Amino acid sequence: MSTTNILSTQKIPQEATQLNKLTKVSSGYMALENFKNSDLHRGYFCYNCIYFMKPNHCAIVTDEGQDLHGKTSNEIASYGICSLWTPNEKEIK
């Protein structure tokens, strides 16, 4: 696969790519399974946080590892939440 055909619109400073992300536990992350089918544009969910990277990643929290409930996954759930949640005004309705 040639990488010359892949363009990115993200502007990440080089020094930022060397930083370690927080673990799910240290960030207070938990997947809220009860809200899996909810309108994620309303409420405090990863989906409408500025750090959420669709479809299931976070810019500052690792994908892998256990959450506060002891559940392990390799993603950040759009219906999850952590203590670092910061509103993304473009997603909140």
C-alpha atoms as a PDB file:
ATOM      1  CA  MET A   1       0.000   0.000   0.000  1.00  0.00           C
ATOM      2  CA  SER A   2       1.402   3.359  -0.966  1.00  0.00           C
ATOM      3  CA  THR A   3       1.260   6.047   1.703  1.00  0.00           C
ATOM      4  CA  THR A   4       1.605   8.823  -0.864  1.00  0.00           C
ATOM      5  CA  ASN A   5      -2.140   8.592  -1.605  1.00  0.00           C
ATOM      6  CA  ILE A   6      -3.148   9.078   2.023  1.00  0.00           C
ATOM      7  CA  LEU A   7      -3.699  12.680   3.085  1.00  0.00           C
ATOM      8  CA  SER A   8      -4.330  13.837   6.625  1.00  0.00           C
ATOM      9  CA  THR A   9      -6.051  17.031   7.686  1.00  0.00           C
ATOM     10  CA  GLN A  10      -4.771  16.725  11.264  1.00  0.00           C
ATOM     11  CA  LYS A  11      -2.099  19.162  12.321  1.00  0.00           C
ATOM     12  CA  ILE A  12      -0.292  17.465  15.196  1.00  0.00           C
ATOM     13  CA  PRO A  13       2.896  19.117  16.470  1.00  0.00           C
ATOM     14  CA  GLN A  14       5.832  16.704  16.245  1.00  0.00           C
ATOM     15  CA  GLU A  15       6.505  16.912  19.987  1.00  0.00           C
ATOM     16  CA  ALA A  16       2.895  15.879  20.728  1.00  0.00           C
ATOM     17  CA  THR A  17       3.361  12.570  18.920  1.00  0.00           C
ATOM     18  CA  GLN A  18       5.999  11.638  21.517  1.00  0.00           C
ATOM     19  CA  LEU A  19       3.680  12.034  24.525  1.00  0.00           C
ATOM     20  CA  ASN A  20       2.176   9.036  26.292  1.00  0.00           C
ATOM     21  CA  LYS A  21      -1.587   8.774  26.586  1.00  0.00           C
ATOM     22  CA  LEU A  22      -3.309   8.238  29.916  1.00  0.00           C
ATOM     23  CA  THR A  23      -4.646   4.809  30.811  1.00  0.00           C
ATOM     24  CA  LYS A  24      -8.385   4.292  30.982  1.00  0.00           C
ATOM     25  CA  VAL A  25      -8.279   3.926  34.769  1.00  0.00           C
ATOM     26  CA  SER A  26      -6.103   6.999  35.396  1.00  0.00           C
ATOM     27  CA  SER A  27      -8.434   9.129  33.242  1.00  0.00           C
ATOM     28  CA  GLY A  28     -11.540   7.824  34.994  1.00  0.00           C
ATOM     29  CA  TYR A  29     -12.846   6.311  31.731  1.00  0.00           C
ATOM     30  CA  MET A  30     -15.807   3.954  31.737  1.00  0.00           C
ATOM     31  CA  ALA A  31     -18.001   2.618  28.966  1.00  0.00           C
ATOM     32  CA  LEU A  32     -21.649   3.236  29.816  1.00  0.00           C
ATOM     33  CA  GLU A  33     -23.305   0.200  28.195  1.00  0.00           C
ATOM     34  CA  ASN A  34     -26.795   1.372  29.260  1.00  0.00           C
ATOM     35  CA  PHE A  35     -26.403   4.367  26.932  1.00  0.00           C
ATOM     36  CA  LYS A  36     -25.112   2.424  23.908  1.00  0.00           C
ATOM     37  CA  ASN A  37     -28.249   3.170  21.860  1.00  0.00           C
ATOM     38  CA  SER A  38     -28.864   6.695  23.174  1.00  0.00           C
ATOM     39  CA  ASP A  39     -28.670   9.997  21.310  1.00  0.00           C
ATOM     40  CA  LEU A  40     -24.979  10.631  21.922  1.00  0.00           C
ATOM     41  CA  HIS A  41     -25.301  14.277  20.841  1.00  0.00           C
ATOM     42  CA  ARG A  42     -27.025  14.911  24.178  1.00  0.00           C
ATOM     43  CA  GLY A  43     -25.235  14.346  27.463  1.00  0.00           C
ATOM     44  CA  TYR A  44     -21.706  13.753  28.606  1.00  0.00           C
ATOM     45  CA  PHE A  45     -20.337  11.102  26.242  1.00  0.00           C
ATOM     46  CA  CYS A  46     -16.995  10.582  24.542  1.00  0.00           C
ATOM     47  CA  TYR A  47     -18.840  11.084  21.252  1.00  0.00           C
ATOM     48  CA  ASN A  48     -19.281  14.792  21.933  1.00  0.00           C
ATOM     49  CA  CYS A  49     -15.875  15.449  23.519  1.00  0.00           C
ATOM     50  CA  ILE A  50     -13.152  17.407  21.726  1.00  0.00           C
ATOM     51  CA  TYR A  51     -10.671  14.577  22.308  1.00  0.00           C
ATOM     52  CA  PHE A  52     -12.804  11.846  20.710  1.00  0.00           C
ATOM     53  CA  MET A  53     -11.481  10.581  17.388  1.00  0.00           C
ATOM     54  CA  LYS A  54     -14.217   8.763  15.461  1.00  0.00           C
ATOM     55  CA  PRO A  55     -15.038   5.956  15.287  1.00  0.00           C
ATOM     56  CA  ASN A  56     -13.559   4.697  18.596  1.00  0.00           C
ATOM     57  CA  HIS A  57     -10.342   6.402  19.717  1.00  0.00           C
ATOM     58  CA  CYS A  58      -9.274   9.217  22.005  1.00  0.00           C
ATOM     59  CA  ALA A  59      -6.453  11.693  21.546  1.00  0.00           C
ATOM     60  CA  ILE A  60      -5.417  11.528  25.213  1.00  0.00           C
ATOM     61  CA  VAL A  61      -6.590   8.118  26.563  1.00  0.00           C
ATOM     62  CA  THR A  62      -5.304   4.722  25.392  1.00  0.00           C
ATOM     63  CA  ASP A  63      -7.643   2.337  23.575  1.00  0.00           C
ATOM     64  CA  GLU A  64      -6.480  -0.778  25.374  1.00  0.00           C
ATOM     65  CA  GLY A  65      -6.806  -1.800  29.000  1.00  0.00           C
ATOM     66  CA  GLN A  66      -9.414  -1.941  31.713  1.00  0.00           C
ATOM     67  CA  ASP A  67     -11.889   0.805  32.473  1.00  0.00           C
ATOM     68  CA  LEU A  68     -13.142   1.776  35.945  1.00  0.00           C
ATOM     69  CA  HIS A  69     -15.620  -1.136  35.862  1.00  0.00           C
ATOM     70  CA  GLY A  70     -12.816  -3.617  35.150  1.00  0.00           C
ATOM     71  CA  LYS A  71     -14.015  -4.201  31.585  1.00  0.00           C
ATOM     72  CA  THR A  72     -11.316  -4.615  28.953  1.00  0.00           C
ATOM     73  CA  SER A  73     -11.609  -3.506  25.342  1.00  0.00           C
ATOM     74  CA  ASN A  74      -9.372  -2.179  22.616  1.00  0.00           C
ATOM     75  CA  GLU A  75     -11.426   0.902  21.908  1.00  0.00           C
ATOM     76  CA  ILE A  76     -12.866   4.050  23.384  1.00  0.00           C
ATOM     77  CA  ALA A  77     -16.630   3.676  23.211  1.00  0.00           C
ATOM     78  CA  SER A  78     -18.590   6.602  21.808  1.00  0.00           C
ATOM     79  CA  TYR A  79     -21.003   6.073  24.728  1.00  0.00           C
ATOM     80  CA  GLY A  80     -18.186   6.208  27.293  1.00  0.00           C
ATOM     81  CA  ILE A  81     -17.057   9.058  29.519  1.00  0.00           C
ATOM     82  CA  CYS A  82     -13.955  10.098  31.485  1.00  0.00           C
ATOM     83  CA  SER A  83     -12.985  12.824  33.920  1.00  0.00           C
ATOM     84  CA  LEU A  84     -11.286  14.816  31.135  1.00  0.00           C
ATOM     85  CA  TRP A  85     -14.445  15.261  29.055  1.00  0.00           C
ATOM     86  CA  THR A  86     -14.460  18.633  27.316  1.00  0.00           C
ATOM     87  CA  PRO A  87     -17.478  19.638  25.222  1.00  0.00           C
ATOM     88  CA  ASN A  88     -17.215  19.627  21.438  1.00  0.00           C
ATOM     89  CA  GLU A  89     -19.707  22.340  20.508  1.00  0.00           C
ATOM     90  CA  LYS A  90     -19.942  20.951  16.946  1.00  0.00           C
ATOM     91  CA  GLU A  91     -21.400  17.652  18.225  1.00  0.00           C
ATOM     92  CA  ILE A  92     -23.636  18.762  21.104  1.00  0.00           C
ATOM     93  CA  LYS A  93     -27.270  19.376  20.198  1.00  0.00           C
END
